[in-house]
């Protein structure tokens, strides 16, 4: 079990960090983009599944579960910023007004979801 845990931690933390830092270069293709678009959301979901399973019935667990939606919304903001700063985007590495509006819309959604989570 201990060896599996170490391998799982390596795969879940070190490999995505290396891919995001573009250590693999062009060999891996767009693996950094795939990680940002898909794996981050999956990791967030897995973390909250574990929290729900182990501490879901406790007061702390219920508070932690309320924070899942705002965290996912913040990851959407991060995705929009990442897309806007790509060299292949409309404005290149600079953010255009259209891209800025998309980012602002995601920020508004994140704030709304955060306020809804706080109210309940």
Protein backbone atom coordinates (compact mmCIF):
# COMPACT_ATOMS: atom_id res chain seq x y z
CA UNK A 1 0.00 0.00 0.00
CA UNK A 2 2.82 2.39 0.85
CA UNK A 3 4.48 1.94 -2.56
CA UNK A 4 1.16 2.58 -4.30
CA UNK A 5 0.69 5.81 -2.33
CA UNK A 6 4.12 7.08 -3.34
CA UNK A 7 3.49 6.25 -6.98
CA UNK A 8 0.08 7.89 -6.89
CA UNK A 9 1.54 11.05 -5.36
CA UNK A 10 4.24 11.14 -8.02
CA UNK A 11 1.73 10.78 -10.82
CA UNK A 12 -0.75 13.29 -9.35
CA UNK A 13 1.72 16.02 -8.34
CA UNK A 14 5.14 15.75 -9.96
CA UNK A 15 4.16 14.65 -13.47
CA UNK A 16 1.53 17.38 -14.00
CA UNK A 17 3.90 20.01 -12.58
CA UNK A 18 6.63 18.94 -15.01
CA UNK A 19 4.19 18.96 -17.90
CA UNK A 20 2.89 22.40 -16.96
CA UNK A 21 6.45 23.71 -16.79
CA UNK A 22 6.85 22.37 -20.36
CA UNK A 23 9.79 20.17 -19.39
CA UNK A 24 8.66 17.61 -21.93
CA UNK A 25 8.74 20.20 -24.72
CA UNK A 26 7.20 19.30 -28.05
CA UNK A 27 7.53 15.56 -27.41
CA UNK A 28 4.42 15.57 -25.27
CA UNK A 29 2.47 17.78 -27.65
CA UNK A 30 -0.16 19.73 -25.78
CA UNK A 31 0.00 17.82 -22.51
CA UNK A 32 0.28 21.03 -20.48
CA UNK A 33 -2.95 22.31 -22.00
CA UNK A 34 -4.65 18.97 -21.42
CA UNK A 35 -3.64 19.04 -17.76
CA UNK A 36 -4.96 22.56 -17.29
CA UNK A 37 -8.22 21.84 -19.12
CA UNK A 38 -8.99 18.37 -17.75
CA UNK A 39 -6.75 17.03 -15.01
CA UNK A 40 -7.07 19.97 -12.61
CA UNK A 41 -10.85 19.58 -12.53
CA UNK A 42 -10.52 15.83 -12.04
CA UNK A 43 -8.06 16.27 -9.18
CA UNK A 44 -10.38 18.78 -7.48
CA UNK A 45 -13.24 16.29 -7.81
CA UNK A 46 -11.15 13.45 -6.36
CA UNK A 47 -10.02 15.55 -3.40
CA UNK A 48 -13.59 16.47 -2.54
CA UNK A 49 -14.73 12.87 -2.95
CA UNK A 50 -12.16 11.88 -0.33
CA UNK A 51 -13.20 14.74 1.97
CA UNK A 52 -16.85 13.73 1.57
CA UNK A 53 -16.15 10.08 2.25
CA UNK A 54 -13.95 10.58 5.30
CA UNK A 55 -15.27 13.76 6.91
CA UNK A 56 -18.57 14.44 5.12
CA UNK A 57 -20.70 14.01 8.22
CA UNK A 58 -18.65 16.32 10.43
CA UNK A 59 -19.13 20.05 10.73
CA UNK A 60 -15.73 20.69 9.15
CA UNK A 61 -16.53 18.31 6.30
CA UNK A 62 -19.78 20.10 5.49
CA UNK A 63 -17.98 23.44 5.38
CA UNK A 64 -15.27 21.97 3.15
CA UNK A 65 -17.86 20.50 0.77
CA UNK A 66 -19.45 23.94 0.35
CA UNK A 67 -16.12 25.24 -0.97
CA UNK A 68 -16.02 22.80 -3.90
CA UNK A 69 -18.06 24.91 -6.34
CA UNK A 70 -16.14 28.17 -5.74
CA UNK A 71 -12.84 26.33 -6.18
CA UNK A 72 -14.01 24.86 -9.48
CA UNK A 73 -15.14 28.32 -10.60
CA UNK A 74 -11.70 29.72 -9.75
CA UNK A 75 -10.11 26.99 -11.86
CA UNK A 76 -12.34 28.15 -14.73
CA UNK A 77 -10.96 31.68 -14.29
CA UNK A 78 -7.44 30.26 -14.39
CA UNK A 79 -8.25 28.37 -17.60
CA UNK A 80 -9.54 31.55 -19.28
CA UNK A 81 -6.43 33.49 -18.29
CA UNK A 82 -4.23 30.66 -19.57
CA UNK A 83 -6.08 30.59 -22.90
CA UNK A 84 -5.83 34.37 -23.25
CA UNK A 85 -2.07 34.39 -22.63
CA UNK A 86 -1.23 31.72 -25.19
CA UNK A 87 0.89 32.93 -28.10
CA UNK A 88 -1.74 31.49 -30.47
CA UNK A 89 -4.62 33.48 -28.97
CA UNK A 90 -6.12 36.56 -30.64
CA UNK A 91 -3.79 39.09 -29.03
CA UNK A 92 -0.81 36.81 -28.60
CA UNK A 93 0.59 36.97 -25.08
CA UNK A 94 -1.23 40.22 -24.37
CA UNK A 95 -4.88 40.04 -23.38
CA UNK A 96 -7.36 41.68 -25.75
CA UNK A 97 -10.54 43.43 -24.66
CA UNK A 98 -12.66 40.47 -25.83
CA UNK A 99 -10.55 38.02 -23.83
CA UNK A 100 -10.64 40.37 -20.84
CA UNK A 101 -14.44 40.37 -20.99
CA UNK A 102 -14.47 36.54 -20.94
CA UNK A 103 -12.15 36.52 -17.92
CA UNK A 104 -14.32 39.10 -16.17
CA UNK A 105 -17.44 37.00 -16.82
CA UNK A 106 -15.73 33.98 -15.23
CA UNK A 107 -14.69 36.11 -12.24
CA UNK A 108 -18.29 37.26 -11.83
CA UNK A 109 -19.48 33.65 -11.86
CA UNK A 110 -16.85 32.73 -9.27
CA UNK A 111 -17.93 35.58 -6.99
CA UNK A 112 -21.62 34.64 -7.34
CA UNK A 113 -20.93 30.98 -6.55
CA UNK A 114 -18.74 31.97 -3.58
CA UNK A 115 -21.47 34.20 -2.15
CA UNK A 116 -24.07 31.45 -2.65
CA UNK A 117 -21.83 28.99 -0.81
CA UNK A 118 -21.33 31.41 2.06
CA UNK A 119 -25.08 32.11 2.41
CA UNK A 120 -26.05 28.44 2.70
